[in-house]
Amino acid sequence: MPRGSDFEARWKEGAWAETKVLDALNAEPELLAVQFGITEGTAFWSSKEMEARDLPDQSQHGKRPDILVFVRKGMSNAEISAAADLLSQSDDDAEKLARRAALAVESEFSPYAYKHRLEGYGKELSFTIKDEDLEPLKKWHKHFKVPIGIVQIYFDSTYFLAFKSLVDGIASGAIKGQIERAYKKLVYYPKMSTGIAFGEYTQAPTMAADVILDKYGKYTPLRKVTGGKIKLTDEMRAILIPK
């Protein structure tokens, strides 16, 4: 569905966060991370613009995660090269190589300095998973047999939650859903402490005020986030890189 400037402002932040996740993973010599899913609603202004991009069918087997992570050891040069093209392939064409991934990642962004919040306010935040994404992700995992994880990016810290922990927590009742007030949709909010630290910032991102002027003449204010560099934690490396 075509979107406008309000969506584009939020989408830019999510795109920045996804790039930081990719960069952090690819900074590890043993790993190869590639974009796999296209963020739904990428700021198209019209149906014609959306159709012109000629997007591959990404919903044959549920919802594609944003990123696939491979362990380079055991991959041929041809497979490493082919991984970069997975984004432009249909699920069926991508399936053989995609099944070799060590992890699939859903990247999420939140406009908080979380450590600052904990120190100043003492209240824990949560991962955010929409119920409408839950079953499609389950379906994708069931077909591809690749473990999924959720990475939450804040301005001062980053966290990881295994999708299995989310699903098990919902099944047991430990993680409960609630209706999100703005969009009237069911959302799950597992506490940040149910996950682990994904990485630490070795270079802090910068944030400034900016505006978008759309073709209709409307100005939309936004936070412009740039820079930032994340290094994986030892705990996250241990999950991804076999000894």
Protein backbone atom coordinates (compact mmCIF):
# COMPACT_ATOMS: atom_id res chain seq x y z
CA MET A 1 0.00 0.00 0.00
CA PRO A 2 1.43 3.44 -0.89
CA ARG A 3 2.46 5.55 2.10
CA GLY A 4 3.16 9.23 2.68
CA SER A 5 5.47 11.49 4.64
CA ASP A 6 4.31 10.43 8.13
CA PHE A 7 5.22 6.84 7.38
CA GLU A 8 8.44 7.87 5.64
CA ALA A 9 9.62 9.67 8.79
CA ARG A 10 9.22 6.48 10.85
CA TRP A 11 10.55 4.27 8.06
CA LYS A 12 13.83 6.21 7.88
CA GLU A 13 14.53 5.44 11.54
CA GLY A 14 13.77 1.76 11.04
CA ALA A 15 16.01 1.65 7.98
CA TRP A 16 18.84 3.23 9.97
CA ALA A 17 18.44 0.63 12.73
CA GLU A 18 18.44 -2.24 10.22
CA THR A 19 21.68 -0.92 8.72
CA LYS A 20 23.30 -0.84 12.17
CA VAL A 21 22.33 -4.50 12.73
CA LEU A 22 23.74 -5.52 9.34
CA ASP A 23 26.97 -3.60 9.95
CA ALA A 24 27.47 -5.12 13.42
CA LEU A 25 26.99 -8.66 12.11
CA ASN A 26 29.19 -8.16 9.05
CA ALA A 27 31.97 -6.69 11.22
CA GLU A 28 32.51 -10.25 12.48
CA PRO A 29 34.85 -12.03 10.02
CA GLU A 30 33.08 -15.34 10.60
CA LEU A 31 29.64 -14.01 9.66
CA LEU A 32 27.79 -12.86 6.55
CA ALA A 33 24.55 -10.89 7.02
CA VAL A 34 22.30 -9.89 4.13
CA GLN A 35 18.99 -8.11 3.81
CA PHE A 36 16.23 -10.61 3.11
CA GLY A 37 12.86 -8.97 3.74
CA ILE A 38 11.66 -5.65 2.39
CA THR A 39 10.13 -3.41 5.03
CA GLU A 40 6.40 -3.40 4.34
CA GLY A 41 5.10 -0.15 2.95
CA THR A 42 8.49 1.26 1.93
CA ALA A 43 7.68 4.91 1.38
CA PHE A 44 5.95 4.66 -1.99
CA TRP A 45 3.89 7.66 -3.05
CA SER A 46 1.63 5.91 -5.55
CA SER A 47 0.56 2.46 -6.73
CA LYS A 48 2.45 3.01 -9.98
CA GLU A 49 5.68 3.72 -8.08
CA MET A 50 5.18 0.60 -5.96
CA GLU A 51 4.51 -1.61 -8.99
CA ALA A 52 7.51 -0.18 -10.87
CA ARG A 53 9.88 -1.59 -8.26
CA ASP A 54 8.76 -5.09 -9.29
CA LEU A 55 9.12 -6.59 -5.81
CA PRO A 56 9.47 -10.37 -5.52
CA ASP A 57 6.72 -12.40 -3.87
CA GLN A 58 7.84 -12.56 -0.24
CA SER A 59 4.72 -14.05 1.31
CA GLN A 60 4.67 -17.57 -0.12
CA HIS A 61 5.72 -19.03 3.23
CA GLY A 62 4.72 -16.41 5.76
CA LYS A 63 6.58 -13.21 6.65
CA ARG A 64 10.20 -12.88 5.59
CA PRO A 65 12.49 -11.71 8.40
CA ASP A 66 14.50 -8.58 7.64
CA ILE A 67 17.96 -10.15 7.73
CA LEU A 68 19.58 -13.56 7.23
CA VAL A 69 22.85 -14.37 9.00
CA PHE A 70 25.21 -17.02 7.66
CA VAL A 71 28.39 -18.55 9.08
CA ARG A 72 30.99 -18.19 6.34
CA LYS A 73 32.80 -21.42 7.23
CA GLY A 74 31.53 -24.13 4.91
CA MET A 75 30.11 -21.70 2.34
CA SER A 76 31.60 -21.64 -1.14
CA ASN A 77 32.58 -18.36 -2.82
CA ALA A 78 29.63 -18.85 -5.17
CA GLU A 79 27.22 -19.17 -2.22
CA ILE A 80 28.66 -16.10 -0.53
CA SER A 81 28.20 -14.13 -3.72
CA ALA A 82 24.68 -15.51 -4.27
CA ALA A 83 23.58 -14.52 -0.76
CA ALA A 84 23.67 -10.85 -1.75
CA ASP A 85 20.93 -11.52 -4.33
CA LEU A 86 18.45 -13.21 -1.97
CA LEU A 87 16.50 -9.97 -1.45
CA SER A 88 15.54 -9.82 -5.12
CA GLN A 89 14.46 -13.49 -5.31
CA SER A 90 11.11 -15.12 -4.67
CA ASP A 91 10.82 -17.43 -1.67
CA ASP A 92 11.02 -20.50 -3.88
CA ASP A 93 14.16 -19.29 -5.66
CA ALA A 94 15.82 -18.22 -2.40
CA GLU A 95 14.83 -21.29 -0.40
CA LYS A 96 17.83 -23.59 -0.89
CA LEU A 97 20.39 -21.04 0.24
CA ALA A 98 18.17 -19.36 2.82
CA ARG A 99 17.78 -22.66 4.67
CA ARG A 100 21.52 -22.58 5.36
CA ALA A 101 21.26 -19.41 7.47
CA ALA A 102 22.26 -19.67 11.12
CA LEU A 103 19.74 -17.02 12.17
CA ALA A 104 16.98 -14.84 10.74
CA VAL A 105 16.56 -11.40 12.31
CA GLU A 106 13.60 -9.07 12.70
CA SER A 107 15.00 -5.58 13.34
CA GLU A 108 13.01 -3.12 15.47
CA PHE A 109 13.65 0.53 16.36
CA SER A 110 12.62 2.48 19.43
CA PRO A 111 13.24 6.23 19.95
CA TYR A 112 14.54 5.87 23.51
CA ALA A 113 17.89 6.11 25.25
CA TYR A 114 17.05 2.99 27.25
CA LYS A 115 19.98 2.99 29.69
CA HIS A 116 19.27 6.64 30.42
CA ARG A 117 15.62 5.77 31.07
CA LEU A 118 16.55 2.97 33.48
CA GLU A 119 18.91 5.19 35.44
CA GLY A 120 16.56 8.17 35.54
CA TYR A 121 13.15 6.53 35.71
CA GLY A 122 13.82 2.99 36.88
CA LYS A 123 11.19 1.41 34.64
CA GLU A 124 11.92 -1.37 32.18
CA LEU A 125 10.89 -1.18 28.54
CA SER A 126 9.83 -4.08 26.31
CA PHE A 127 10.34 -5.65 22.94
CA THR A 128 7.38 -4.93 20.65
CA ILE A 129 5.87 -7.69 18.50
CA LYS A 130 2.57 -7.27 16.69
CA ASP A 131 0.17 -10.19 16.80
CA GLU A 132 -0.41 -9.79 13.05
CA ASP A 133 3.28 -10.65 12.49
CA LEU A 134 3.36 -13.59 14.89
CA GLU A 135 1.64 -16.31 12.83
CA PRO A 136 3.36 -15.29 9.54
CA LEU A 137 6.75 -15.54 11.28
CA LYS A 138 5.80 -18.91 12.77
CA LYS A 139 4.82 -20.07 9.28
CA TRP A 140 8.13 -18.88 7.83
CA HIS A 141 10.11 -20.64 10.56
CA LYS A 142 8.15 -23.87 10.13
CA HIS A 143 8.93 -23.93 6.41
CA PHE A 144 12.56 -22.73 6.38
CA LYS A 145 13.66 -24.33 9.67
CA VAL A 146 15.86 -21.32 10.49
CA PRO A 147 15.79 -19.90 14.06
CA ILE A 148 14.49 -16.34 14.31
CA GLY A 149 15.56 -13.57 16.67
CA ILE A 150 14.30 -10.04 17.34
CA VAL A 151 16.85 -7.23 17.67
CA GLN A 152 15.68 -4.05 19.37
CA ILE A 153 17.74 -0.95 18.62
CA TYR A 154 17.73 2.02 20.99
CA PHE A 155 19.86 5.17 20.80
CA ASP A 156 22.19 3.95 23.55
CA SER A 157 21.82 0.16 23.71
CA THR A 158 20.66 -2.90 21.76
CA TYR A 159 18.98 -6.17 22.74
CA PHE A 160 18.18 -9.62 21.32
CA LEU A 161 15.25 -11.94 21.99
CA ALA A 162 14.98 -15.45 20.58
CA PHE A 163 11.67 -15.92 18.78
CA LYS A 164 11.28 -19.28 20.53
CA SER A 165 11.38 -17.51 23.91
CA LEU A 166 8.58 -15.23 22.70
CA VAL A 167 6.41 -18.07 21.40
CA ASP A 168 6.98 -20.21 24.52
CA GLY A 169 6.22 -17.24 26.77
CA ILE A 170 2.94 -16.52 24.99
CA ALA A 171 1.95 -20.21 25.14
CA SER A 172 2.64 -20.41 28.88
CA GLY A 173 0.90 -17.12 29.63
CA ALA A 174 4.11 -15.49 30.89
CA ILE A 175 3.94 -13.02 28.00
CA LYS A 176 0.51 -11.48 27.54
CA GLY A 177 -0.84 -9.41 24.69
CA GLN A 178 -2.59 -6.08 25.00
CA ILE A 179 -4.36 -3.76 22.61
CA GLU A 180 -2.06 -0.98 21.42
CA ARG A 181 -4.00 2.23 21.98
CA ALA A 182 -3.00 4.16 18.86
CA TYR A 183 -3.62 1.41 16.29
CA LYS A 184 -6.16 -0.76 18.17
CA LYS A 185 -4.15 -3.90 17.42
CA LEU A 186 -3.00 -6.76 19.64
CA VAL A 187 0.69 -6.40 20.56
CA TYR A 188 3.02 -8.46 22.76
CA TYR A 189 5.50 -6.67 25.02
CA PRO A 190 8.05 -9.11 26.51
CA LYS A 191 10.27 -7.26 28.98
CA MET A 192 13.77 -6.34 27.84
CA SER A 193 15.20 -8.52 30.62
CA THR A 194 13.81 -11.62 28.86
CA GLY A 195 16.47 -11.08 26.19
CA ILE A 196 20.22 -10.45 26.14
CA ALA A 197 22.41 -7.55 25.02
CA PHE A 198 22.89 -7.78 21.25
CA GLY A 199 25.79 -5.35 21.05
CA GLU A 200 27.37 -2.27 22.57
CA TYR A 201 27.84 1.08 20.86
CA THR A 202 31.51 1.78 20.20
CA GLN A 203 30.46 4.98 18.44
CA ALA A 204 27.31 6.79 19.56
CA PRO A 205 24.75 7.78 16.91
CA THR A 206 23.80 11.41 16.44
CA MET A 207 20.30 12.82 16.24
CA ALA A 208 19.08 16.10 14.80
CA ALA A 209 15.78 17.70 13.85
CA ASP A 210 14.83 17.55 10.18
CA VAL A 211 11.76 17.86 7.95
CA ILE A 212 10.37 16.15 4.86
CA LEU A 213 8.56 18.22 2.24
CA ASP A 214 6.35 15.89 0.23
CA LYS A 215 5.03 16.42 -3.29
CA TYR A 216 1.71 17.63 -1.89
CA GLY A 217 3.44 20.51 -0.10
CA LYS A 218 3.18 19.05 3.40
CA TYR A 219 6.07 19.39 5.85
CA THR A 220 6.58 16.48 8.26
CA PRO A 221 9.04 16.82 11.17
CA LEU A 222 11.29 13.89 11.96
CA ARG A 223 14.31 12.80 13.95
CA LYS A 224 17.28 12.37 11.64
CA VAL A 225 19.54 9.65 13.00
CA THR A 226 23.03 9.16 11.60
CA GLY A 227 26.26 7.41 12.51
CA GLY A 228 26.62 4.92 15.31
CA LYS A 229 28.63 1.72 15.40
CA ILE A 230 27.75 -1.46 17.28
CA LYS A 231 30.01 -4.33 18.33
CA LEU A 232 28.41 -7.69 19.13
CA THR A 233 28.53 -8.85 22.74
CA ASP A 234 30.37 -12.06 23.59
CA GLU A 235 27.01 -13.62 24.50
CA MET A 236 25.61 -12.82 21.06
CA ARG A 237 28.76 -14.09 19.34
CA ALA A 238 28.44 -17.35 21.26
CA ILE A 239 24.94 -17.85 19.84
CA LEU A 240 26.04 -17.26 16.26
CA ILE A 241 29.59 -18.51 15.94
CA PRO A 242 30.27 -22.17 16.80
CA LYS A 243 33.50 -22.87 18.65
